[in-house]
Amino acid sequence: MKQVSIVILNWNGRSYLDQFLPSVIKSTYQDKRILVVDNGSTDDSVSFTKEKFPEVEVLELPENYGFAEGNNQALPHIDSPYLILLNSDVEVAPDWIEPLVEMMEANPNMAACQPKIRAFHQKDHFEYAGASGGFLDKYGYPFCRGRIFDTLELDEGQYEEPMEVFWATGAAMMLRKSVVDQIGLFEAAFFAHMEEIDFCWRALNHGYDIGCHPGSIVYHVGGGTLPQGNPRKTFLNVRNGLTLLFKNLPKGKVFSHLFIRMVLDGIWGLSTLLKGDFKTIGAILKGHFAFYGKLGFWRKRRREIYPVAPKAFPKKGFLNQSIVWQYFGKGKKTWSEVWKK
C-alpha cells in the first residue's frame, strides 16, 4: 500500500471544510495524509481546521495564489508516491481512493486519473467539472463523458468502464508524483481554470496516459469560488483556453486552429451581445486581449516546455472534429452520440 496525500486547497471555505472534511477523513484507504492548503483566507478557516480536525495538516500561504500556484506552492513539500488534488466542496464515498490507486498501479505510464464526479445537489446526475472523464476537441473545447457544454446526463450506469481520457478534473485528480517532478507543475499564470487540462495535455505530449475510474465516486457542489456565468470565470476560461491551444498545439496547427477558435469565440460574443448580456461579451473581449498582450511570454513558455514542438495531437480522448458543431449544429447532446470511433 503506497501513501496517498490528499491536498485540499482552501480559500475562505470554512463552511465547506466543516461539511466535507469528515467524509475525507473517513476514507477507508489506510495510508493517507490529508493536507489543507490555505490560500490566504480572511475567514477563520485555519484556526477552525486546526481545532476541529487535529488529524489534518495545515499549510498556510500568505496570499491567494489561485488554484494553479496554490497547488504549486504545496506539492514540492509532499513526497508521497500519489497525490490527490481535491476541491473543498467535494463529498467522497468511503472507498473512493482504492480504485484510483489500483488504476495507477496497473498502468505505470499513467500520469493522472480521476473518479466519477456526480453533482452534490442532484446526486443521480453527472457534475459539470469532470463527469466521467474529460475529452478535448480540435479547437480546444473541453467536454466530458456525461457532460457536453451545459447538458448534464443522468447517470444510469452508461459510463462505468474505466478508460483512458484526455484530461482529468482538478476537482478530484490523482497525480503520480514522479511525473509531476519530471514534467513540471501547473502553469501559474493561468491562476485558475483549464490548468489541469494544460497539465494533462503536456503529460500526453510527453508520452504519458490519463485515466478515469468510475468505480470511484465523489459528489461536487461546484461554483464554490466562482459560480457558472460569473464574468471572472468567463474571462479566465477564454484567456486560458486560447493559451492552452497556443502552448500545446502541434507544429503547423497553431495559427489555423487558433484562428478558428477566435472566430467561434466571436460568434459566441455576438450571440451574447444580441441577448443584451454585456458582462459576458466584456469578459470574452477582456480574455482575448489578455491573451494577445502576453503572446511574447507564451511563445517563450512554449519553447521552454517543448524544445522540440509536438508533431501531432494526442490520440486518446481527442476529438478531431468541432464539438461546437456536433452540439449546436447536429444536435448531439451526449458523449455516446458524439464519440463513435
C-alpha atoms as a PDB file:
ATOM      1  CA  MET A   1       0.000   0.000   0.000  1.00  0.00           C
ATOM      2  CA  LYS A   2       1.548   3.283  -1.130  1.00  0.00           C
ATOM      3  CA  GLN A   3       0.932   6.530   0.694  1.00  0.00           C
ATOM      4  CA  VAL A   4      -1.605   8.924  -0.809  1.00  0.00           C
ATOM      5  CA  SER A   5      -1.528  12.610   0.118  1.00  0.00           C
ATOM      6  CA  ILE A   6      -4.844  14.419  -0.284  1.00  0.00           C
ATOM      7  CA  VAL A   7      -4.296  18.135  -0.919  1.00  0.00           C
ATOM      8  CA  ILE A   8      -7.324  20.367  -0.320  1.00  0.00           C
ATOM      9  CA  LEU A   9      -6.843  23.956  -1.446  1.00  0.00           C
ATOM     10  CA  ASN A  10      -8.978  26.332   0.602  1.00  0.00           C
ATOM     11  CA  TRP A  11      -9.905  29.976   0.259  1.00  0.00           C
ATOM     12  CA  ASN A  12     -12.469  31.314   2.730  1.00  0.00           C
ATOM     13  CA  GLY A  13     -14.161  27.916   2.695  1.00  0.00           C
ATOM     14  CA  ARG A  14     -14.732  27.261   6.384  1.00  0.00           C
ATOM     15  CA  SER A  15     -18.293  26.025   5.801  1.00  0.00           C
ATOM     16  CA  TYR A  16     -17.138  23.573   3.114  1.00  0.00           C
ATOM     17  CA  LEU A  17     -14.373  22.242   5.348  1.00  0.00           C
ATOM     18  CA  ASP A  18     -16.873  21.749   8.151  1.00  0.00           C
ATOM     19  CA  GLN A  19     -19.289  19.942   5.834  1.00  0.00           C
ATOM     20  CA  PHE A  20     -16.989  17.828   3.679  1.00  0.00           C
ATOM     21  CA  LEU A  21     -13.722  17.154   5.525  1.00  0.00           C
ATOM     22  CA  PRO A  22     -15.354  14.452   7.692  1.00  0.00           C
ATOM     23  CA  SER A  23     -16.085  12.317   4.620  1.00  0.00           C
ATOM     24  CA  VAL A  24     -12.448  12.622   3.503  1.00  0.00           C
ATOM     25  CA  ILE A  25     -11.190  11.673   6.959  1.00  0.00           C
ATOM     26  CA  LYS A  26     -13.456   8.600   6.917  1.00  0.00           C
ATOM     27  CA  SER A  27     -11.954   7.351   3.635  1.00  0.00           C
ATOM     28  CA  THR A  28     -11.155   3.659   4.042  1.00  0.00           C
ATOM     29  CA  TYR A  29      -7.698   3.829   2.419  1.00  0.00           C
ATOM     30  CA  GLN A  30      -5.333   3.424   5.346  1.00  0.00           C
ATOM     31  CA  ASP A  31      -2.064   5.050   4.315  1.00  0.00           C
ATOM     32  CA  LYS A  32      -3.334   8.555   3.643  1.00  0.00           C
ATOM     33  CA  ARG A  33      -2.213  12.034   4.578  1.00  0.00           C
ATOM     34  CA  ILE A  34      -4.667  14.954   4.474  1.00  0.00           C
ATOM     35  CA  LEU A  35      -3.288  18.442   3.937  1.00  0.00           C
ATOM     36  CA  VAL A  36      -5.392  21.629   3.813  1.00  0.00           C
ATOM     37  CA  VAL A  37      -3.509  24.332   1.926  1.00  0.00           C
ATOM     38  CA  ASP A  38      -4.936  27.699   2.889  1.00  0.00           C
ATOM     39  CA  ASN A  39      -4.726  30.250   0.092  1.00  0.00           C
ATOM     40  CA  GLY A  40      -4.561  33.390   2.225  1.00  0.00           C
ATOM     41  CA  SER A  41      -8.094  33.097   3.656  1.00  0.00           C
ATOM     42  CA  THR A  42      -9.547  36.046   5.534  1.00  0.00           C
ATOM     43  CA  ASP A  43     -12.106  33.942   7.412  1.00  0.00           C
ATOM     44  CA  ASP A  44     -11.291  31.604  10.320  1.00  0.00           C
ATOM     45  CA  SER A  45     -10.641  28.548   8.122  1.00  0.00           C
ATOM     46  CA  VAL A  46      -7.180  27.913   9.545  1.00  0.00           C
ATOM     47  CA  SER A  47      -7.996  28.135  13.247  1.00  0.00           C
ATOM     48  CA  PHE A  48     -11.231  26.210  12.715  1.00  0.00           C
ATOM     49  CA  THR A  49      -9.488  23.340  10.887  1.00  0.00           C
ATOM     50  CA  LYS A  50      -6.696  23.082  13.436  1.00  0.00           C
ATOM     51  CA  GLU A  51      -9.166  22.974  16.311  1.00  0.00           C
ATOM     52  CA  LYS A  52     -11.856  20.699  14.866  1.00  0.00           C
ATOM     53  CA  PHE A  53      -9.686  18.379  12.743  1.00  0.00           C
ATOM     54  CA  PRO A  54      -6.348  17.946  14.540  1.00  0.00           C
ATOM     55  CA  GLU A  55      -5.528  14.905  12.366  1.00  0.00           C
ATOM     56  CA  VAL A  56      -5.430  17.182   9.313  1.00  0.00           C
ATOM     57  CA  GLU A  57      -2.235  19.069   8.430  1.00  0.00           C
ATOM     58  CA  VAL A  58      -2.487  22.755   7.515  1.00  0.00           C
ATOM     59  CA  LEU A  59      -0.149  24.694   5.248  1.00  0.00           C
ATOM     60  CA  GLU A  60      -0.748  28.450   5.357  1.00  0.00           C
ATOM     61  CA  LEU A  61       0.056  30.567   2.290  1.00  0.00           C
ATOM     62  CA  PRO A  62       0.405  34.358   2.673  1.00  0.00           C
ATOM     63  CA  GLU A  63      -1.990  35.286  -0.168  1.00  0.00           C
ATOM     64  CA  ASN A  64      -4.498  33.869  -2.647  1.00  0.00           C
ATOM     65  CA  TYR A  65      -2.342  32.344  -5.381  1.00  0.00           C
ATOM     66  CA  GLY A  66      -5.269  30.774  -7.237  1.00  0.00           C
ATOM     67  CA  PHE A  67      -5.662  27.070  -7.953  1.00  0.00           C
ATOM     68  CA  ALA A  68      -2.552  26.691 -10.094  1.00  0.00           C
ATOM     69  CA  GLU A  69       0.104  28.409  -7.998  1.00  0.00           C
ATOM     70  CA  GLY A  70      -1.600  27.494  -4.729  1.00  0.00           C
ATOM     71  CA  ASN A  71      -1.067  23.815  -5.510  1.00  0.00           C
ATOM     72  CA  ASN A  72       2.391  24.571  -6.901  1.00  0.00           C
ATOM     73  CA  GLN A  73       3.332  26.022  -3.510  1.00  0.00           C
ATOM     74  CA  ALA A  74       2.208  22.853  -1.733  1.00  0.00           C
ATOM     75  CA  LEU A  75       3.248  19.930  -3.928  1.00  0.00           C
ATOM     76  CA  PRO A  76       7.053  20.282  -3.532  1.00  0.00           C
ATOM     77  CA  HIS A  77       6.569  19.706   0.224  1.00  0.00           C
ATOM     78  CA  ILE A  78       4.971  16.285  -0.357  1.00  0.00           C
ATOM     79  CA  ASP A  79       6.908  13.081  -1.011  1.00  0.00           C
ATOM     80  CA  SER A  80       4.032  10.602  -1.303  1.00  0.00           C
ATOM     81  CA  PRO A  81       4.068   8.492  -4.499  1.00  0.00           C
ATOM     82  CA  TYR A  82       0.471   9.540  -5.198  1.00  0.00           C
ATOM     83  CA  LEU A  83      -1.190  12.914  -4.710  1.00  0.00           C
ATOM     84  CA  ILE A  84      -4.881  13.762  -4.867  1.00  0.00           C
ATOM     85  CA  LEU A  85      -5.957  17.334  -5.517  1.00  0.00           C
ATOM     86  CA  LEU A  86      -9.430  17.666  -4.034  1.00  0.00           C
ATOM     87  CA  ASN A  87     -11.708  20.696  -4.019  1.00  0.00           C
ATOM     88  CA  SER A  88     -13.002  21.709  -0.622  1.00  0.00           C
ATOM     89  CA  ASP A  89     -16.629  21.400  -1.840  1.00  0.00           C
ATOM     90  CA  VAL A  90     -16.435  17.657  -2.549  1.00  0.00           C
ATOM     91  CA  GLU A  91     -18.041  14.816  -0.605  1.00  0.00           C
ATOM     92  CA  VAL A  92     -16.336  11.463  -1.149  1.00  0.00           C
ATOM     93  CA  ALA A  93     -17.553   7.879  -0.928  1.00  0.00           C
ATOM     94  CA  PRO A  94     -15.689   5.846   1.736  1.00  0.00           C
ATOM     95  CA  ASP A  95     -13.818   3.644  -0.757  1.00  0.00           C
ATOM     96  CA  TRP A  96     -13.100   6.290  -3.396  1.00  0.00           C
ATOM     97  CA  ILE A  97      -9.292   6.121  -3.190  1.00  0.00           C
ATOM     98  CA  GLU A  98      -8.746   2.395  -3.735  1.00  0.00           C
ATOM     99  CA  PRO A  99      -9.920   2.238  -7.399  1.00  0.00           C
ATOM    100  CA  LEU A 100      -7.717   5.208  -8.306  1.00  0.00           C
ATOM    101  CA  VAL A 101      -4.635   3.611  -6.758  1.00  0.00           C
ATOM    102  CA  GLU A 102      -5.435   0.312  -8.499  1.00  0.00           C
ATOM    103  CA  MET A 103      -5.690   2.124 -11.845  1.00  0.00           C
ATOM    104  CA  MET A 104      -2.357   3.859 -11.367  1.00  0.00           C
ATOM    105  CA  GLU A 105      -0.669   0.680 -10.142  1.00  0.00           C
ATOM    106  CA  ALA A 106      -1.986  -1.280 -13.137  1.00  0.00           C
ATOM    107  CA  ASN A 107      -0.537   1.260 -15.573  1.00  0.00           C
ATOM    108  CA  PRO A 108       2.870   2.662 -14.522  1.00  0.00           C
ATOM    109  CA  ASN A 109       2.659   5.009 -17.515  1.00  0.00           C
ATOM    110  CA  MET A 110      -0.441   6.777 -16.157  1.00  0.00           C
ATOM    111  CA  ALA A 111       0.314  10.323 -15.009  1.00  0.00           C
ATOM    112  CA  ALA A 112      -3.117  11.175 -13.597  1.00  0.00           C
ATOM    113  CA  CYS A 113      -6.634   9.844 -13.161  1.00  0.00           C
ATOM    114  CA  GLN A 114      -9.967  10.930 -11.747  1.00  0.00           C
ATOM    115  CA  PRO A 115     -13.060   9.404 -10.140  1.00  0.00           C
ATOM    116  CA  LYS A 116     -16.595   9.728 -11.473  1.00  0.00           C
ATOM    117  CA  ILE A 117     -17.929  13.155 -10.484  1.00  0.00           C
ATOM    118  CA  ARG A 118     -21.608  13.440  -9.615  1.00  0.00           C
ATOM    119  CA  ALA A 119     -23.469  16.606  -8.682  1.00  0.00           C
ATOM    120  CA  PHE A 120     -23.852  17.061  -4.928  1.00  0.00           C
ATOM    121  CA  HIS A 121     -27.272  18.719  -5.243  1.00  0.00           C
ATOM    122  CA  GLN A 122     -28.540  16.260  -7.857  1.00  0.00           C
ATOM    123  CA  LYS A 123     -26.748  13.063  -6.976  1.00  0.00           C
ATOM    124  CA  ASP A 124     -28.099  10.933  -9.805  1.00  0.00           C
ATOM    125  CA  HIS A 125     -26.609  13.290 -12.420  1.00  0.00           C
ATOM    126  CA  PHE A 126     -23.062  13.876 -13.598  1.00  0.00           C
ATOM    127  CA  GLU A 127     -21.381  17.081 -12.475  1.00  0.00           C
ATOM    128  CA  TYR A 128     -20.047  19.772 -14.796  1.00  0.00           C
ATOM    129  CA  ALA A 129     -16.389  19.686 -13.768  1.00  0.00           C
ATOM    130  CA  GLY A 130     -15.250  16.279 -14.983  1.00  0.00           C
ATOM    131  CA  ALA A 131     -18.275  13.932 -15.060  1.00  0.00           C
ATOM    132  CA  SER A 132     -16.869  10.515 -16.097  1.00  0.00           C
ATOM    133  CA  GLY A 133     -13.653  11.712 -17.742  1.00  0.00           C
ATOM    134  CA  GLY A 134     -12.503  14.666 -19.832  1.00  0.00           C
ATOM    135  CA  PHE A 135     -12.108  14.975 -23.611  1.00  0.00           C
ATOM    136  CA  LEU A 136     -10.971  17.743 -25.965  1.00  0.00           C
ATOM    137  CA  ASP A 137     -11.977  18.765 -29.473  1.00  0.00           C
ATOM    138  CA  LYS A 138      -9.623  20.075 -32.168  1.00  0.00           C
ATOM    139  CA  TYR A 139     -10.286  23.728 -31.252  1.00  0.00           C
ATOM    140  CA  GLY A 140      -9.618  23.328 -27.552  1.00  0.00           C
ATOM    141  CA  TYR A 141     -13.184  22.981 -26.256  1.00  0.00           C
ATOM    142  CA  PRO A 142     -13.338  20.551 -23.328  1.00  0.00           C
ATOM    143  CA  PHE A 143     -16.256  18.174 -22.827  1.00  0.00           C
ATOM    144  CA  CYS A 144     -16.874  15.080 -20.725  1.00  0.00           C
ATOM    145  CA  ARG A 145     -18.284  11.608 -20.763  1.00  0.00           C
ATOM    146  CA  GLY A 146     -21.606  12.627 -19.232  1.00  0.00           C
ATOM    147  CA  ARG A 147     -21.417  16.401 -19.853  1.00  0.00           C
ATOM    148  CA  ILE A 148     -21.242  18.456 -23.046  1.00  0.00           C
ATOM    149  CA  PHE A 149     -21.439  22.219 -22.557  1.00  0.00           C
ATOM    150  CA  ASP A 150     -24.390  22.717 -20.163  1.00  0.00           C
ATOM    151  CA  THR A 151     -26.064  19.337 -20.813  1.00  0.00           C
ATOM    152  CA  LEU A 152     -25.583  17.086 -17.787  1.00  0.00           C
ATOM    153  CA  GLU A 153     -26.648  13.477 -18.248  1.00  0.00           C
ATOM    154  CA  LEU A 154     -28.475  11.304 -15.758  1.00  0.00           C
ATOM    155  CA  ASP A 155     -26.049   8.647 -14.521  1.00  0.00           C
ATOM    156  CA  GLU A 156     -27.742   5.382 -15.463  1.00  0.00           C
ATOM    157  CA  GLY A 157     -24.547   3.330 -15.471  1.00  0.00           C
ATOM    158  CA  GLN A 158     -23.828   4.098 -19.124  1.00  0.00           C
ATOM    159  CA  TYR A 159     -20.249   5.222 -18.471  1.00  0.00           C
ATOM    160  CA  GLU A 160     -18.948   2.681 -15.964  1.00  0.00           C
ATOM    161  CA  GLU A 161     -15.988   1.444 -17.986  1.00  0.00           C
ATOM    162  CA  PRO A 162     -12.571   2.617 -16.745  1.00  0.00           C
ATOM    163  CA  MET A 163     -10.838   4.215 -19.698  1.00  0.00           C
ATOM    164  CA  GLU A 164      -8.043   6.477 -20.823  1.00  0.00           C
ATOM    165  CA  VAL A 165      -9.146  10.063 -21.438  1.00  0.00           C
ATOM    166  CA  PHE A 166      -7.615  13.392 -22.460  1.00  0.00           C
ATOM    167  CA  TRP A 167      -7.843  15.196 -19.138  1.00  0.00           C
ATOM    168  CA  ALA A 168      -8.720  14.574 -15.508  1.00  0.00           C
ATOM    169  CA  THR A 169     -10.545  17.206 -13.493  1.00  0.00           C
ATOM    170  CA  GLY A 170      -8.710  19.269 -10.912  1.00  0.00           C
ATOM    171  CA  ALA A 171     -11.756  18.951  -8.641  1.00  0.00           C
ATOM    172  CA  ALA A 172     -10.624  15.408  -7.755  1.00  0.00           C
ATOM    173  CA  MET A 173      -7.398  14.445  -9.500  1.00  0.00           C
ATOM    174  CA  MET A 174      -4.861  11.778  -8.573  1.00  0.00           C
ATOM    175  CA  LEU A 175      -1.319  12.542  -9.743  1.00  0.00           C
ATOM    176  CA  ARG A 176       1.798  10.409  -9.912  1.00  0.00           C
ATOM    177  CA  LYS A 177       4.411  12.452  -8.051  1.00  0.00           C
ATOM    178  CA  SER A 178       7.305  11.214 -10.189  1.00  0.00           C
ATOM    179  CA  VAL A 179       5.618  12.554 -13.327  1.00  0.00           C
ATOM    180  CA  VAL A 180       4.978  15.921 -11.675  1.00  0.00           C
ATOM    181  CA  ASP A 181       8.660  16.060 -10.764  1.00  0.00           C
ATOM    182  CA  GLN A 182       9.598  15.289 -14.361  1.00  0.00           C
ATOM    183  CA  ILE A 183       7.277  17.482 -16.463  1.00  0.00           C
ATOM    184  CA  GLY A 184       6.636  20.307 -14.016  1.00  0.00           C
ATOM    185  CA  LEU A 185       3.763  21.743 -12.042  1.00  0.00           C
ATOM    186  CA  PHE A 186       0.714  23.717 -13.122  1.00  0.00           C
ATOM    187  CA  GLU A 187       1.002  26.846 -15.259  1.00  0.00           C
ATOM    188  CA  ALA A 188       0.945  29.543 -12.555  1.00  0.00           C
ATOM    189  CA  ALA A 189      -0.096  32.312 -14.964  1.00  0.00           C
ATOM    190  CA  PHE A 190      -3.425  30.536 -15.540  1.00  0.00           C
ATOM    191  CA  PHE A 191      -4.364  31.364 -11.915  1.00  0.00           C
ATOM    192  CA  ALA A 192      -7.456  29.120 -12.136  1.00  0.00           C
ATOM    193  CA  HIS A 193      -9.447  27.180 -14.760  1.00  0.00           C
ATOM    194  CA  MET A 194      -8.036  24.961 -17.523  1.00  0.00           C
ATOM    195  CA  GLU A 195      -4.706  24.432 -15.733  1.00  0.00           C
ATOM    196  CA  GLU A 196      -5.437  20.730 -15.221  1.00  0.00           C
ATOM    197  CA  ILE A 197      -6.188  20.319 -18.950  1.00  0.00           C
ATOM    198  CA  ASP A 198      -2.927  22.077 -19.745  1.00  0.00           C
ATOM    199  CA  PHE A 199      -1.071  19.727 -17.383  1.00  0.00           C
ATOM    200  CA  CYS A 200      -2.729  16.630 -18.867  1.00  0.00           C
ATOM    201  CA  TRP A 201      -2.037  17.731 -22.451  1.00  0.00           C
ATOM    202  CA  ARG A 202       1.602  18.270 -21.510  1.00  0.00           C
ATOM    203  CA  ALA A 203       1.704  14.807 -19.924  1.00  0.00           C
ATOM    204  CA  LEU A 204       0.174  13.254 -23.056  1.00  0.00           C
ATOM    205  CA  ASN A 205       2.709  15.069 -25.238  1.00  0.00           C
ATOM    206  CA  HIS A 206       5.431  13.518 -23.064  1.00  0.00           C
ATOM    207  CA  GLY A 207       4.028  10.051 -23.737  1.00  0.00           C
ATOM    208  CA  TYR A 208       2.015   9.501 -20.543  1.00  0.00           C
ATOM    209  CA  ASP A 209      -1.595   8.374 -20.116  1.00  0.00           C
ATOM    210  CA  ILE A 210      -4.571   9.965 -18.318  1.00  0.00           C
ATOM    211  CA  GLY A 211      -7.443   7.889 -16.915  1.00  0.00           C
ATOM    212  CA  CYS A 212     -10.885   7.866 -15.338  1.00  0.00           C
ATOM    213  CA  HIS A 213     -12.123   5.134 -12.997  1.00  0.00           C
ATOM    214  CA  PRO A 214     -15.927   5.368 -12.487  1.00  0.00           C
ATOM    215  CA  GLY A 215     -15.670   2.787  -9.703  1.00  0.00           C
ATOM    216  CA  SER A 216     -14.536   5.706  -7.570  1.00  0.00           C
ATOM    217  CA  ILE A 217     -17.340   8.201  -6.872  1.00  0.00           C
ATOM    218  CA  VAL A 218     -17.337  11.717  -5.427  1.00  0.00           C
ATOM    219  CA  TYR A 219     -20.005  14.446  -5.237  1.00  0.00           C
ATOM    220  CA  HIS A 220     -19.069  18.001  -6.194  1.00  0.00           C
ATOM    221  CA  VAL A 221     -21.003  21.152  -5.290  1.00  0.00           C
ATOM    222  CA  GLY A 222     -19.283  23.245  -7.981  1.00  0.00           C
ATOM    223  CA  GLY A 223     -19.038  27.009  -8.304  1.00  0.00           C
ATOM    224  CA  GLY A 224     -17.868  27.371  -4.721  1.00  0.00           C
ATOM    225  CA  THR A 225     -15.405  30.127  -5.617  1.00  0.00           C
ATOM    226  CA  LEU A 226     -16.789  31.402  -8.929  1.00  0.00           C
ATOM    227  CA  PRO A 227     -20.311  30.354  -9.992  1.00  0.00           C
ATOM    228  CA  GLN A 228     -21.120  29.413 -13.579  1.00  0.00           C
ATOM    229  CA  GLY A 229     -21.739  32.510 -15.692  1.00  0.00           C
ATOM    230  CA  ASN A 230     -19.616  34.756 -13.480  1.00  0.00           C
ATOM    231  CA  PRO A 231     -17.704  37.246 -15.729  1.00  0.00           C
ATOM    232  CA  ARG A 232     -14.451  36.476 -13.922  1.00  0.00           C
ATOM    233  CA  LYS A 233     -14.892  32.762 -14.672  1.00  0.00           C
ATOM    234  CA  THR A 234     -15.726  33.547 -18.320  1.00  0.00           C
ATOM    235  CA  PHE A 235     -12.608  35.713 -18.614  1.00  0.00           C
ATOM    236  CA  LEU A 236     -10.357  33.008 -17.153  1.00  0.00           C
ATOM    237  CA  ASN A 237     -11.831  30.281 -19.355  1.00  0.00           C
ATOM    238  CA  VAL A 238     -11.467  32.385 -22.529  1.00  0.00           C
ATOM    239  CA  ARG A 239      -7.932  33.604 -21.817  1.00  0.00           C
ATOM    240  CA  ASN A 240      -6.701  30.232 -20.607  1.00  0.00           C
ATOM    241  CA  GLY A 241      -8.461  28.359 -23.414  1.00  0.00           C
ATOM    242  CA  LEU A 242      -6.572  30.374 -26.036  1.00  0.00           C
ATOM    243  CA  THR A 243      -3.330  29.955 -24.101  1.00  0.00           C
ATOM    244  CA  LEU A 244      -3.925  26.211 -23.757  1.00  0.00           C
ATOM    245  CA  LEU A 245      -4.032  25.899 -27.552  1.00  0.00           C
ATOM    246  CA  PHE A 246      -1.064  28.156 -28.206  1.00  0.00           C
ATOM    247  CA  LYS A 247       1.123  26.278 -25.714  1.00  0.00           C
ATOM    248  CA  ASN A 248       0.316  22.710 -26.741  1.00  0.00           C
ATOM    249  CA  LEU A 249      -0.854  22.563 -30.366  1.00  0.00           C
ATOM    250  CA  PRO A 250       1.240  20.505 -32.795  1.00  0.00           C
ATOM    251  CA  LYS A 251       3.693  22.241 -35.056  1.00  0.00           C
ATOM    252  CA  GLY A 252       1.924  23.694 -38.088  1.00  0.00           C
ATOM    253  CA  LYS A 253      -1.504  23.767 -36.398  1.00  0.00           C
ATOM    254  CA  VAL A 254      -1.122  26.791 -34.132  1.00  0.00           C
ATOM    255  CA  PHE A 255      -2.265  29.572 -36.461  1.00  0.00           C
ATOM    256  CA  SER A 256      -5.111  27.742 -38.203  1.00  0.00           C
ATOM    257  CA  HIS A 257      -6.659  26.258 -35.076  1.00  0.00           C
ATOM    258  CA  LEU A 258      -6.310  29.439 -33.041  1.00  0.00           C
ATOM    259  CA  PHE A 259      -7.908  31.458 -35.848  1.00  0.00           C
ATOM    260  CA  ILE A 260     -10.956  29.180 -35.969  1.00  0.00           C
ATOM    261  CA  ARG A 261     -11.211  29.251 -32.162  1.00  0.00           C
ATOM    262  CA  MET A 262     -11.217  33.051 -32.303  1.00  0.00           C
ATOM    263  CA  VAL A 263     -13.985  33.001 -34.911  1.00  0.00           C
ATOM    264  CA  LEU A 264     -16.056  30.677 -32.718  1.00  0.00           C
ATOM    265  CA  ASP A 265     -15.475  32.933 -29.723  1.00  0.00           C
ATOM    266  CA  GLY A 266     -16.576  35.858 -31.899  1.00  0.00           C
ATOM    267  CA  ILE A 267     -19.839  34.093 -32.753  1.00  0.00           C
ATOM    268  CA  TRP A 268     -20.386  33.392 -29.055  1.00  0.00           C
ATOM    269  CA  GLY A 269     -19.715  37.051 -28.248  1.00  0.00           C
ATOM    270  CA  LEU A 270     -22.139  38.244 -30.924  1.00  0.00           C
ATOM    271  CA  SER A 271     -24.871  35.975 -29.597  1.00  0.00           C
ATOM    272  CA  THR A 272     -24.406  37.346 -26.062  1.00  0.00           C
ATOM    273  CA  LEU A 273     -24.486  40.894 -27.423  1.00  0.00           C
ATOM    274  CA  LEU A 274     -27.799  40.238 -29.181  1.00  0.00           C
ATOM    275  CA  LYS A 275     -29.168  38.982 -25.863  1.00  0.00           C
ATOM    276  CA  GLY A 276     -28.023  42.135 -24.117  1.00  0.00           C
ATOM    277  CA  ASP A 277     -25.527  40.232 -21.997  1.00  0.00           C
ATOM    278  CA  PHE A 278     -22.862  42.921 -21.882  1.00  0.00           C
ATOM    279  CA  LYS A 279     -20.987  41.408 -18.929  1.00  0.00           C
ATOM    280  CA  THR A 280     -20.280  38.183 -20.838  1.00  0.00           C
ATOM    281  CA  ILE A 281     -19.157  39.857 -24.056  1.00  0.00           C
ATOM    282  CA  GLY A 282     -16.973  42.180 -21.983  1.00  0.00           C
ATOM    283  CA  ALA A 283     -15.363  39.145 -20.329  1.00  0.00           C
ATOM    284  CA  ILE A 284     -14.810  37.452 -23.709  1.00  0.00           C
ATOM    285  CA  LEU A 285     -13.113  40.553 -25.135  1.00  0.00           C
ATOM    286  CA  LYS A 286     -11.043  41.006 -21.992  1.00  0.00           C
ATOM    287  CA  GLY A 287      -9.915  37.374 -22.196  1.00  0.00           C
ATOM    288  CA  HIS A 288      -8.784  37.797 -25.810  1.00  0.00           C
ATOM    289  CA  PHE A 289      -6.856  40.998 -25.175  1.00  0.00           C
ATOM    290  CA  ALA A 290      -5.196  39.469 -22.106  1.00  0.00           C
ATOM    291  CA  PHE A 291      -4.001  36.587 -24.294  1.00  0.00           C
ATOM    292  CA  TYR A 292      -2.727  38.890 -27.079  1.00  0.00           C
ATOM    293  CA  GLY A 293      -0.946  41.074 -24.526  1.00  0.00           C
ATOM    294  CA  LYS A 294       1.163  38.148 -23.277  1.00  0.00           C
ATOM    295  CA  LEU A 295       1.808  36.474 -26.624  1.00  0.00           C
ATOM    296  CA  GLY A 296       5.556  37.020 -26.339  1.00  0.00           C
ATOM    297  CA  PHE A 297       5.587  35.430 -22.894  1.00  0.00           C
ATOM    298  CA  TRP A 298       3.603  32.421 -24.082  1.00  0.00           C
ATOM    299  CA  ARG A 299       5.844  31.981 -27.125  1.00  0.00           C
ATOM    300  CA  LYS A 300       8.812  31.780 -24.769  1.00  0.00           C
ATOM    301  CA  ARG A 301       6.979  29.343 -22.470  1.00  0.00           C
ATOM    302  CA  ARG A 302       6.110  27.058 -25.392  1.00  0.00           C
ATOM    303  CA  ARG A 303       9.785  26.841 -26.362  1.00  0.00           C
ATOM    304  CA  GLU A 304      10.763  26.150 -22.743  1.00  0.00           C
ATOM    305  CA  ILE A 305       8.221  23.345 -22.361  1.00  0.00           C
ATOM    306  CA  TYR A 306       8.733  21.812 -25.794  1.00  0.00           C
ATOM    307  CA  PRO A 307      12.300  22.261 -27.121  1.00  0.00           C
ATOM    308  CA  VAL A 308      11.007  20.030 -29.917  1.00  0.00           C
ATOM    309  CA  ALA A 309       7.455  21.029 -30.881  1.00  0.00           C
ATOM    310  CA  PRO A 310       4.758  18.309 -30.703  1.00  0.00           C
ATOM    311  CA  LYS A 311       4.192  16.705 -34.099  1.00  0.00           C
ATOM    312  CA  ALA A 312       0.588  15.565 -33.665  1.00  0.00           C
ATOM    313  CA  PHE A 313      -2.436  15.678 -31.396  1.00  0.00           C
ATOM    314  CA  PRO A 314      -2.593  13.014 -28.679  1.00  0.00           C
ATOM    315  CA  LYS A 315      -4.787  10.134 -29.874  1.00  0.00           C
ATOM    316  CA  LYS A 316      -6.529   9.240 -26.625  1.00  0.00           C
ATOM    317  CA  GLY A 317      -9.511  11.347 -25.623  1.00  0.00           C
ATOM    318  CA  PHE A 318      -9.101  13.700 -28.585  1.00  0.00           C
ATOM    319  CA  LEU A 319     -11.992  14.514 -30.946  1.00  0.00           C
ATOM    320  CA  ASN A 320     -10.699  15.534 -34.372  1.00  0.00           C
ATOM    321  CA  GLN A 321     -13.914  17.462 -35.008  1.00  0.00           C
ATOM    322  CA  SER A 322     -15.673  20.524 -33.633  1.00  0.00           C
ATOM    323  CA  ILE A 323     -17.761  19.756 -30.550  1.00  0.00           C
ATOM    324  CA  VAL A 324     -19.445  23.125 -31.113  1.00  0.00           C
ATOM    325  CA  TRP A 325     -20.752  21.924 -34.485  1.00  0.00           C
ATOM    326  CA  GLN A 326     -21.673  18.491 -33.152  1.00  0.00           C
ATOM    327  CA  TYR A 327     -23.647  20.010 -30.270  1.00  0.00           C
ATOM    328  CA  PHE A 328     -25.222  23.146 -31.741  1.00  0.00           C
ATOM    329  CA  GLY A 329     -25.246  22.167 -35.427  1.00  0.00           C
ATOM    330  CA  LYS A 330     -26.107  18.469 -35.333  1.00  0.00           C
ATOM    331  CA  GLY A 331     -27.930  18.438 -32.005  1.00  0.00           C
ATOM    332  CA  LYS A 332     -25.758  15.727 -30.458  1.00  0.00           C
ATOM    333  CA  LYS A 333     -26.098  16.369 -26.740  1.00  0.00           C
ATOM    334  CA  THR A 334     -24.478  13.275 -25.198  1.00  0.00           C
ATOM    335  CA  TRP A 335     -20.988  11.805 -25.253  1.00  0.00           C
ATOM    336  CA  SER A 336     -22.205   8.484 -26.657  1.00  0.00           C
ATOM    337  CA  GLU A 337     -23.714  10.297 -29.660  1.00  0.00           C
ATOM    338  CA  VAL A 338     -20.511  12.193 -30.366  1.00  0.00           C
ATOM    339  CA  TRP A 339     -17.885   9.576 -29.516  1.00  0.00           C
ATOM    340  CA  LYS A 340     -18.426   6.982 -32.208  1.00  0.00           C
ATOM    341  CA  LYS A 341     -14.996   5.702 -33.158  1.00  0.00           C
END
